[in-house]
Amino acid sequence: MWQPAWFALAHLWQHPALLFPGYFAVSLVLGYFRERYGGVLVPILLHSYYNLGLWVVAV
């Protein structure tokens, strides 16, 4: 559980601490896919789609 926490903490330098639980949840999902597929390609793609979705909602 340390890796998701570090992932979430790494994103807090530019976002409010209120978002920590959301980033933690996303990191759990990305970690699951890293373990499931044995690499980082799928989590990187999912992270990109997630960021794109946030951008589309913000615009």
PDB file of N, CA and C in Angstrom:
ATOM      1  N   MET A   1       0.810  -1.208   0.000  1.00  0.00           N
ATOM      2  CA  MET A   1       0.000   0.000   0.000  1.00  0.00           C
ATOM      3  C   MET A   1       0.850   1.268   0.000  1.00  0.00           C
ATOM      4  N   TRP A   2       2.149   1.119   0.131  1.00  0.00           N
ATOM      5  CA  TRP A   2       2.994   2.314   0.122  1.00  0.00           C
ATOM      6  C   TRP A   2       3.093   2.926  -1.265  1.00  0.00           C
ATOM      7  N   GLN A   3       3.167   2.087  -2.281  1.00  0.00           N
ATOM      8  CA  GLN A   3       3.308   2.609  -3.640  1.00  0.00           C
ATOM      9  C   GLN A   3       2.130   3.498  -4.044  1.00  0.00           C
ATOM     10  N   PRO A   4       0.875   3.087  -3.810  1.00  0.00           N
ATOM     11  CA  PRO A   4      -0.234   4.000  -4.137  1.00  0.00           C
ATOM     12  C   PRO A   4      -0.187   5.295  -3.333  1.00  0.00           C
ATOM     13  N   ALA A   5       0.235   5.201  -2.084  1.00  0.00           N
ATOM     14  CA  ALA A   5       0.326   6.410  -1.259  1.00  0.00           C
ATOM     15  C   ALA A   5       1.386   7.361  -1.809  1.00  0.00           C
ATOM     16  N   TRP A   6       2.528   6.822  -2.211  1.00  0.00           N
ATOM     17  CA  TRP A   6       3.580   7.665  -2.783  1.00  0.00           C
ATOM     18  C   TRP A   6       3.125   8.286  -4.103  1.00  0.00           C
ATOM     19  N   PHE A   7       2.411   7.502  -4.911  1.00  0.00           N
ATOM     20  CA  PHE A   7       1.878   8.019  -6.170  1.00  0.00           C
ATOM     21  C   PHE A   7       0.947   9.197  -5.890  1.00  0.00           C
ATOM     22  N   ALA A   8       0.054   9.020  -4.947  1.00  0.00           N
ATOM     23  CA  ALA A   8      -0.895  10.085  -4.611  1.00  0.00           C
ATOM     24  C   ALA A   8      -0.174  11.305  -4.050  1.00  0.00           C
ATOM     25  N   LEU A   9       0.788  11.079  -3.174  1.00  0.00           N
ATOM     26  CA  LEU A   9       1.545  12.198  -2.604  1.00  0.00           C
ATOM     27  C   LEU A   9       2.329  12.950  -3.675  1.00  0.00           C
ATOM     28  N   ALA A  10       2.852  12.217  -4.655  1.00  0.00           N
ATOM     29  CA  ALA A  10       3.622  12.862  -5.721  1.00  0.00           C
ATOM     30  C   ALA A  10       2.760  13.809  -6.550  1.00  0.00           C
ATOM     31  N   HIS A  11       1.463  13.592  -6.571  1.00  0.00           N
ATOM     32  CA  HIS A  11       0.578  14.450  -7.352  1.00  0.00           C
ATOM     33  C   HIS A  11       0.036  15.632  -6.544  1.00  0.00           C
ATOM     34  N   LEU A  12       0.310  15.672  -5.259  1.00  0.00           N
ATOM     35  CA  LEU A  12      -0.253  16.737  -4.422  1.00  0.00           C
ATOM     36  C   LEU A  12       0.524  18.044  -4.490  1.00  0.00           C
ATOM     37  N   TRP A  13       1.686  18.060  -5.112  1.00  0.00           N
ATOM     38  CA  TRP A  13       2.440  19.311  -5.188  1.00  0.00           C
ATOM     39  C   TRP A  13       1.716  20.343  -6.049  1.00  0.00           C
ATOM     40  N   GLN A  14       0.835  19.877  -6.908  1.00  0.00           N
ATOM     41  CA  GLN A  14       0.114  20.821  -7.763  1.00  0.00           C
ATOM     42  C   GLN A  14      -1.402  20.782  -7.572  1.00  0.00           C
ATOM     43  N   HIS A  15      -1.872  19.987  -6.611  1.00  0.00           N
ATOM     44  CA  HIS A  15      -3.309  19.853  -6.371  1.00  0.00           C
ATOM     45  C   HIS A  15      -3.590  19.919  -4.872  1.00  0.00           C
ATOM     46  N   PRO A  16      -4.792  20.300  -4.474  1.00  0.00           N
ATOM     47  CA  PRO A  16      -5.127  20.368  -3.049  1.00  0.00           C
ATOM     48  C   PRO A  16      -5.134  18.985  -2.386  1.00  0.00           C
ATOM     49  N   ALA A  17      -4.821  18.971  -1.103  1.00  0.00           N
ATOM     50  CA  ALA A  17      -4.769  17.718  -0.341  1.00  0.00           C
ATOM     51  C   ALA A  17      -6.123  17.020  -0.295  1.00  0.00           C
ATOM     52  N   LEU A  18      -7.182  17.744  -0.517  1.00  0.00           N
ATOM     53  CA  LEU A  18      -8.523  17.167  -0.530  1.00  0.00           C
ATOM     54  C   LEU A  18      -8.653  16.079  -1.600  1.00  0.00           C
ATOM     55  N   LEU A  19      -7.835  16.154  -2.633  1.00  0.00           N
ATOM     56  CA  LEU A  19      -7.899  15.189  -3.731  1.00  0.00           C
ATOM     57  C   LEU A  19      -7.097  13.916  -3.466  1.00  0.00           C
ATOM     58  N   PHE A  20      -6.387  13.838  -2.335  1.00  0.00           N
ATOM     59  CA  PHE A  20      -5.554  12.671  -2.037  1.00  0.00           C
ATOM     60  C   PHE A  20      -6.323  11.351  -2.128  1.00  0.00           C
ATOM     61  N   PRO A  21      -7.519  11.230  -1.538  1.00  0.00           N
ATOM     62  CA  PRO A  21      -8.233   9.942  -1.641  1.00  0.00           C
ATOM     63  C   PRO A  21      -8.530   9.534  -3.083  1.00  0.00           C
ATOM     64  N   GLY A  22      -8.843  10.492  -3.919  1.00  0.00           N
ATOM     65  CA  GLY A  22      -9.104  10.188  -5.324  1.00  0.00           C
ATOM     66  C   GLY A  22      -7.857   9.701  -6.039  1.00  0.00           C
ATOM     67  N   TYR A  23      -6.740  10.369  -5.800  1.00  0.00           N
ATOM     68  CA  TYR A  23      -5.482   9.933  -6.415  1.00  0.00           C
ATOM     69  C   TYR A  23      -5.059   8.573  -5.875  1.00  0.00           C
ATOM     70  N   PHE A  24      -5.314   8.348  -4.606  1.00  0.00           N
ATOM     71  CA  PHE A  24      -4.988   7.047  -4.015  1.00  0.00           C
ATOM     72  C   PHE A  24      -5.812   5.949  -4.688  1.00  0.00           C
ATOM     73  N   ALA A  25      -7.095   6.198  -4.903  1.00  0.00           N
ATOM     74  CA  ALA A  25      -7.959   5.207  -5.555  1.00  0.00           C
ATOM     75  C   ALA A  25      -7.503   4.937  -6.988  1.00  0.00           C
ATOM     76  N   VAL A  26      -7.170   5.993  -7.716  1.00  0.00           N
ATOM     77  CA  VAL A  26      -6.680   5.816  -9.088  1.00  0.00           C
ATOM     78  C   VAL A  26      -5.388   5.013  -9.083  1.00  0.00           C
ATOM     79  N   SER A  27      -4.515   5.285  -8.132  1.00  0.00           N
ATOM     80  CA  SER A  27      -3.248   4.551  -8.076  1.00  0.00           C
ATOM     81  C   SER A  27      -3.462   3.076  -7.756  1.00  0.00           C
ATOM     82  N   LEU A  28      -4.480   2.748  -6.974  1.00  0.00           N
ATOM     83  CA  LEU A  28      -4.791   1.336  -6.727  1.00  0.00           C
ATOM     84  C   LEU A  28      -5.217   0.643  -8.018  1.00  0.00           C
ATOM     85  N   VAL A  29      -6.032   1.322  -8.803  1.00  0.00           N
ATOM     86  CA  VAL A  29      -6.479   0.753 -10.081  1.00  0.00           C
ATOM     87  C   VAL A  29      -5.290   0.590 -11.030  1.00  0.00           C
ATOM     88  N   LEU A  30      -4.458   1.614 -11.140  1.00  0.00           N
ATOM     89  CA  LEU A  30      -3.293   1.524 -12.021  1.00  0.00           C
ATOM     90  C   LEU A  30      -2.335   0.432 -11.554  1.00  0.00           C
ATOM     91  N   GLY A  31      -2.166   0.303 -10.244  1.00  0.00           N
ATOM     92  CA  GLY A  31      -1.316  -0.757  -9.705  1.00  0.00           C
ATOM     93  C   GLY A  31      -1.867  -2.136 -10.009  1.00  0.00           C
ATOM     94  N   TYR A  32      -3.175  -2.275  -9.946  1.00  0.00           N
ATOM     95  CA  TYR A  32      -3.799  -3.557 -10.294  1.00  0.00           C
ATOM     96  C   TYR A  32      -3.465  -3.937 -11.738  1.00  0.00           C
ATOM     97  N   PHE A  33      -3.612  -2.980 -12.647  1.00  0.00           N
ATOM     98  CA  PHE A  33      -3.335  -3.274 -14.050  1.00  0.00           C
ATOM     99  C   PHE A  33      -1.848  -3.520 -14.299  1.00  0.00           C
ATOM    100  N   ARG A  34      -0.972  -2.880 -13.526  1.00  0.00           N
ATOM    101  CA  ARG A  34       0.456  -3.162 -13.648  1.00  0.00           C
ATOM    102  C   ARG A  34       0.743  -4.606 -13.265  1.00  0.00           C
ATOM    103  N   GLU A  35       0.152  -5.051 -12.175  1.00  0.00           N
ATOM    104  CA  GLU A  35       0.322  -6.440 -11.744  1.00  0.00           C
ATOM    105  C   GLU A  35      -0.352  -7.409 -12.710  1.00  0.00           C
ATOM    106  N   ARG A  36      -1.515  -7.053 -13.180  1.00  0.00           N
ATOM    107  CA  ARG A  36      -2.297  -7.942 -14.056  1.00  0.00           C
ATOM    108  C   ARG A  36      -1.594  -8.201 -15.377  1.00  0.00           C
ATOM    109  N   TYR A  37      -1.001  -7.143 -15.953  1.00  0.00           N
ATOM    110  CA  TYR A  37      -0.380  -7.271 -17.265  1.00  0.00           C
ATOM    111  C   TYR A  37       1.144  -7.335 -17.208  1.00  0.00           C
ATOM    112  N   GLY A  38       1.738  -7.257 -16.021  1.00  0.00           N
ATOM    113  CA  GLY A  38       3.172  -7.446 -15.860  1.00  0.00           C
ATOM    114  C   GLY A  38       4.051  -6.363 -16.458  1.00  0.00           C
ATOM    115  N   GLY A  39       3.541  -5.184 -16.572  1.00  0.00           N
ATOM    116  CA  GLY A  39       4.328  -4.079 -17.114  1.00  0.00           C
ATOM    117  C   GLY A  39       3.633  -2.760 -16.866  1.00  0.00           C
ATOM    118  N   VAL A  40       4.237  -1.716 -17.380  1.00  0.00           N
ATOM    119  CA  VAL A  40       3.691  -0.383 -17.129  1.00  0.00           C
ATOM    120  C   VAL A  40       2.976   0.224 -18.332  1.00  0.00           C
ATOM    121  N   LEU A  41       2.981  -0.451 -19.476  1.00  0.00           N
ATOM    122  CA  LEU A  41       2.349   0.124 -20.664  1.00  0.00           C
ATOM    123  C   LEU A  41       0.853   0.367 -20.457  1.00  0.00           C
ATOM    124  N   VAL A  42       0.141  -0.619 -19.964  1.00  0.00           N
ATOM    125  CA  VAL A  42      -1.306  -0.468 -19.756  1.00  0.00           C
ATOM    126  C   VAL A  42      -1.602   0.629 -18.731  1.00  0.00           C
ATOM    127  N   PRO A  43      -0.923   0.654 -17.567  1.00  0.00           N
ATOM    128  CA  PRO A  43      -1.184   1.755 -16.629  1.00  0.00           C
ATOM    129  C   PRO A  43      -0.845   3.132 -17.201  1.00  0.00           C
ATOM    130  N   ILE A  44       0.200   3.214 -18.009  1.00  0.00           N
ATOM    131  CA  ILE A  44       0.543   4.501 -18.622  1.00  0.00           C
ATOM    132  C   ILE A  44      -0.565   4.951 -19.567  1.00  0.00           C
ATOM    133  N   LEU A  45      -1.073   4.025 -20.364  1.00  0.00           N
ATOM    134  CA  LEU A  45      -2.175   4.366 -21.271  1.00  0.00           C
ATOM    135  C   LEU A  45      -3.428   4.767 -20.498  1.00  0.00           C
ATOM    136  N   LEU A  46      -3.737   4.023 -19.433  1.00  0.00           N
ATOM    137  CA  LEU A  46      -4.899   4.371 -18.614  1.00  0.00           C
ATOM    138  C   LEU A  46      -4.724   5.734 -17.963  1.00  0.00           C
ATOM    139  N   HIS A  47      -3.522   6.026 -17.483  1.00  0.00           N
ATOM    140  CA  HIS A  47      -3.234   7.322 -16.879  1.00  0.00           C
ATOM    141  C   HIS A  47      -3.438   8.425 -17.918  1.00  0.00           C
ATOM    142  N   SER A  48      -3.004   8.184 -19.143  1.00  0.00           N
ATOM    143  CA  SER A  48      -3.178   9.170 -20.216  1.00  0.00           C
ATOM    144  C   SER A  48      -4.651   9.413 -20.517  1.00  0.00           C
ATOM    145  N   TYR A  49      -5.427   8.339 -20.602  1.00  0.00           N
ATOM    146  CA  TYR A  49      -6.869   8.485 -20.845  1.00  0.00           C
ATOM    147  C   TYR A  49      -7.554   9.208 -19.688  1.00  0.00           C
ATOM    148  N   TYR A  50      -7.128   8.913 -18.478  1.00  0.00           N
ATOM    149  CA  TYR A  50      -7.679   9.581 -17.294  1.00  0.00           C
ATOM    150  C   TYR A  50      -7.395  11.087 -17.367  1.00  0.00           C
ATOM    151  N   ASN A  51      -6.139  11.435 -17.676  1.00  0.00           N
ATOM    152  CA  ASN A  51      -5.775  12.848 -17.788  1.00  0.00           C
ATOM    153  C   ASN A  51      -6.547  13.530 -18.912  1.00  0.00           C
ATOM    154  N   LEU A  52      -6.714  12.837 -20.032  1.00  0.00           N
ATOM    155  CA  LEU A  52      -7.482  13.393 -21.142  1.00  0.00           C
ATOM    156  C   LEU A  52      -8.930  13.647 -20.724  1.00  0.00           C
ATOM    157  N   GLY A  53      -9.506  12.703 -19.995  1.00  0.00           N
ATOM    158  CA  GLY A  53     -10.872  12.878 -19.509  1.00  0.00           C
ATOM    159  C   GLY A  53     -11.000  14.074 -18.582  1.00  0.00           C
ATOM    160  N   LEU A  54     -10.034  14.249 -17.687  1.00  0.00           N
ATOM    161  CA  LEU A  54     -10.050  15.415 -16.796  1.00  0.00           C
ATOM    162  C   LEU A  54      -9.931  16.708 -17.593  1.00  0.00           C
ATOM    163  N   TRP A  55      -9.088  16.686 -18.605  1.00  0.00           N
ATOM    164  CA  TRP A  55      -8.905  17.873 -19.431  1.00  0.00           C
ATOM    165  C   TRP A  55     -10.186  18.207 -20.192  1.00  0.00           C
ATOM    166  N   VAL A  56     -10.838  17.202 -20.759  1.00  0.00           N
ATOM    167  CA  VAL A  56     -12.081  17.424 -21.507  1.00  0.00           C
ATOM    168  C   VAL A  56     -13.155  18.002 -20.589  1.00  0.00           C
ATOM    169  N   VAL A  57     -13.254  17.492 -19.382  1.00  0.00           N
ATOM    170  CA  VAL A  57     -14.244  17.998 -18.426  1.00  0.00           C
ATOM    171  C   VAL A  57     -13.923  19.441 -18.037  1.00  0.00           C
ATOM    172  N   ALA A  58     -12.646  19.762 -17.887  1.00  0.00           N
ATOM    173  CA  ALA A  58     -12.242  21.110 -17.479  1.00  0.00           C
ATOM    174  C   ALA A  58     -12.463  22.134 -18.585  1.00  0.00           C
ATOM    175  N   VAL A  59     -12.353  21.708 -19.821  1.00  0.00           N
ATOM    176  CA  VAL A  59     -12.501  22.637 -20.950  1.00  0.00           C
ATOM    177  C   VAL A  59     -13.960  22.749 -21.254  1.00  0.00           C
TER     178      VAL A  59
END
